[in-house]
Amino acid sequence: MRVSVEYMSLIRDASGVDAEDLISQTDSLTLADMLEHLAENHAEPFRAAVLDNSGTMHPWLMVTVNDVLVRSPEAILRDGDRVTIAVPISGG
C-alpha cells in the first residue's frame, strides 16, 4: 500500500522534506505505526516533533487523513490515503 504524507510548518522543517510516499507491504496500518516508521527514517528532531518519550503521538499534533482531522493514533490508514502532519501555530 502507498500513503502520501505531506509535512507542514515545523514538521516540514524537522523532516527536511515537503512530502513523501510511505510504501508498506501490509493492506492497512495505524497512524501510530506510520508515525513510528517515519520517525525511524528521519533524524531525531522529527521524532521529537511527532512522538513523546514513550513513543506516543503528541496531543498537539494536527493530523488529517484525506482532509479530515484525526485524533486517534489507532486510526486505520488505507492504500491511497493522503496524510498531512502539522503543528498548529498561533500568534497575535
C-alpha atoms as a PDB file:
ATOM      1  CA  MET A   1       0.000   0.000   0.000  1.00  0.00           C
ATOM      2  CA  ARG A   2       1.041   3.588  -0.590  1.00  0.00           C
ATOM      3  CA  VAL A   3       0.220   6.558   1.655  1.00  0.00           C
ATOM      4  CA  SER A   4       1.136  10.107   0.619  1.00  0.00           C
ATOM      5  CA  VAL A   5       2.451  12.195   3.510  1.00  0.00           C
ATOM      6  CA  GLU A   6       2.723  15.984   3.440  1.00  0.00           C
ATOM      7  CA  TYR A   7       4.565  17.924   6.136  1.00  0.00           C
ATOM      8  CA  MET A   8       3.620  21.432   7.185  1.00  0.00           C
ATOM      9  CA  SER A   9       5.256  24.138   9.325  1.00  0.00           C
ATOM     10  CA  LEU A  10       7.677  22.874  11.977  1.00  0.00           C
ATOM     11  CA  ILE A  11       7.180  19.247  10.962  1.00  0.00           C
ATOM     12  CA  ARG A  12       8.401  20.063   7.452  1.00  0.00           C
ATOM     13  CA  ASP A  13      11.494  21.671   8.970  1.00  0.00           C
ATOM     14  CA  ALA A  14      12.117  18.609  11.169  1.00  0.00           C
ATOM     15  CA  SER A  15      11.644  16.113   8.322  1.00  0.00           C
ATOM     16  CA  GLY A  16      13.721  18.038   5.810  1.00  0.00           C
ATOM     17  CA  VAL A  17      11.209  17.358   3.006  1.00  0.00           C
ATOM     18  CA  ASP A  18       7.840  18.781   1.936  1.00  0.00           C
ATOM     19  CA  ALA A  19       6.252  15.412   1.201  1.00  0.00           C
ATOM     20  CA  GLU A  20       6.964  11.755   0.603  1.00  0.00           C
ATOM     21  CA  ASP A  21       5.236   8.468  -0.090  1.00  0.00           C
ATOM     22  CA  LEU A  22       5.228   5.724   2.514  1.00  0.00           C
ATOM     23  CA  ILE A  23       5.102   2.257   0.990  1.00  0.00           C
ATOM     24  CA  SER A  24       4.084  -0.674   3.191  1.00  0.00           C
ATOM     25  CA  GLN A  25       3.702  -4.360   2.436  1.00  0.00           C
ATOM     26  CA  THR A  26       0.511  -4.502   4.560  1.00  0.00           C
ATOM     27  CA  ASP A  27      -3.055  -3.707   3.448  1.00  0.00           C
ATOM     28  CA  SER A  28      -3.522  -1.196   6.249  1.00  0.00           C
ATOM     29  CA  LEU A  29      -1.611   0.342   9.132  1.00  0.00           C
ATOM     30  CA  THR A  30      -2.427   2.598  12.031  1.00  0.00           C
ATOM     31  CA  LEU A  31      -1.490   6.241  12.282  1.00  0.00           C
ATOM     32  CA  ALA A  32       0.794   5.285  15.193  1.00  0.00           C
ATOM     33  CA  ASP A  33       2.558   2.686  13.019  1.00  0.00           C
ATOM     34  CA  MET A  34       3.032   5.246  10.262  1.00  0.00           C
ATOM     35  CA  LEU A  35       4.477   7.860  12.639  1.00  0.00           C
ATOM     36  CA  GLU A  36       6.878   5.325  14.148  1.00  0.00           C
ATOM     37  CA  HIS A  37       8.022   4.238  10.687  1.00  0.00           C
ATOM     38  CA  LEU A  38       8.567   7.851   9.613  1.00  0.00           C
ATOM     39  CA  ALA A  39      10.417   8.609  12.863  1.00  0.00           C
ATOM     40  CA  GLU A  40      12.793   5.714  12.134  1.00  0.00           C
ATOM     41  CA  ASN A  41      13.545   7.179   8.694  1.00  0.00           C
ATOM     42  CA  HIS A  42      14.158  10.768   9.802  1.00  0.00           C
ATOM     43  CA  ALA A  43      16.547  12.385  12.274  1.00  0.00           C
ATOM     44  CA  GLU A  44      15.858  12.935  15.982  1.00  0.00           C
ATOM     45  CA  PRO A  45      14.255  16.389  15.540  1.00  0.00           C
ATOM     46  CA  PHE A  46      11.429  14.731  13.581  1.00  0.00           C
ATOM     47  CA  ARG A  47      10.890  12.023  16.219  1.00  0.00           C
ATOM     48  CA  ALA A  48      10.791  14.647  18.969  1.00  0.00           C
ATOM     49  CA  ALA A  49       8.312  16.725  16.968  1.00  0.00           C
ATOM     50  CA  VAL A  50       5.785  13.912  16.462  1.00  0.00           C
ATOM     51  CA  LEU A  51       6.296  11.446  19.336  1.00  0.00           C
ATOM     52  CA  ASP A  52       6.696  11.872  23.088  1.00  0.00           C
ATOM     53  CA  ASN A  53       9.292   9.965  25.158  1.00  0.00           C
ATOM     54  CA  SER A  54       7.036   6.904  25.356  1.00  0.00           C
ATOM     55  CA  GLY A  55       6.586   6.801  21.563  1.00  0.00           C
ATOM     56  CA  THR A  56       3.025   8.140  21.636  1.00  0.00           C
ATOM     57  CA  MET A  57       1.774  10.798  19.224  1.00  0.00           C
ATOM     58  CA  HIS A  58       1.933  14.288  20.763  1.00  0.00           C
ATOM     59  CA  PRO A  59      -1.580  15.531  21.658  1.00  0.00           C
ATOM     60  CA  TRP A  60      -0.955  18.884  19.962  1.00  0.00           C
ATOM     61  CA  LEU A  61      -0.040  17.284  16.643  1.00  0.00           C
ATOM     62  CA  MET A  62      -2.543  18.068  13.896  1.00  0.00           C
ATOM     63  CA  VAL A  63      -3.011  15.145  11.519  1.00  0.00           C
ATOM     64  CA  THR A  64      -5.516  14.979   8.703  1.00  0.00           C
ATOM     65  CA  VAL A  65      -6.317  11.946   6.589  1.00  0.00           C
ATOM     66  CA  ASN A  66      -7.941  12.847   3.295  1.00  0.00           C
ATOM     67  CA  ASP A  67      -8.617  16.340   4.731  1.00  0.00           C
ATOM     68  CA  VAL A  68     -10.397  15.011   7.859  1.00  0.00           C
ATOM     69  CA  LEU A  69      -8.826  15.760  11.261  1.00  0.00           C
ATOM     70  CA  VAL A  70      -7.772  12.542  13.017  1.00  0.00           C
ATOM     71  CA  ARG A  71      -7.082  12.493  16.761  1.00  0.00           C
ATOM     72  CA  SER A  72      -6.643   8.763  17.388  1.00  0.00           C
ATOM     73  CA  PRO A  73      -3.245   7.150  16.850  1.00  0.00           C
ATOM     74  CA  GLU A  74      -5.186   3.927  16.270  1.00  0.00           C
ATOM     75  CA  ALA A  75      -6.896   5.313  13.142  1.00  0.00           C
ATOM     76  CA  ILE A  76      -6.505   2.915  10.229  1.00  0.00           C
ATOM     77  CA  LEU A  77      -4.783   4.135   7.074  1.00  0.00           C
ATOM     78  CA  ARG A  78      -5.519   2.545   3.723  1.00  0.00           C
ATOM     79  CA  ASP A  79      -3.948   2.443   0.296  1.00  0.00           C
ATOM     80  CA  GLY A  80      -4.113   5.824  -1.418  1.00  0.00           C
ATOM     81  CA  ASP A  81      -4.742   7.872   1.736  1.00  0.00           C
ATOM     82  CA  ARG A  82      -3.319  11.384   1.854  1.00  0.00           C
ATOM     83  CA  VAL A  83      -1.963  12.361   5.286  1.00  0.00           C
ATOM     84  CA  THR A  84      -0.943  15.860   6.346  1.00  0.00           C
ATOM     85  CA  ILE A  85       1.045  16.395   9.542  1.00  0.00           C
ATOM     86  CA  ALA A  86       1.424  19.838  11.148  1.00  0.00           C
ATOM     87  CA  VAL A  87       1.837  21.651  14.411  1.00  0.00           C
ATOM     88  CA  PRO A  88      -0.777  24.383  14.837  1.00  0.00           C
ATOM     89  CA  ILE A  89       0.799  27.828  15.004  1.00  0.00           C
ATOM     90  CA  SER A  90      -0.889  30.805  16.614  1.00  0.00           C
ATOM     91  CA  GLY A  91       0.143  34.317  17.299  1.00  0.00           C
ATOM     92  CA  GLY A  92      -1.085  37.794  17.695  1.00  0.00           C
END
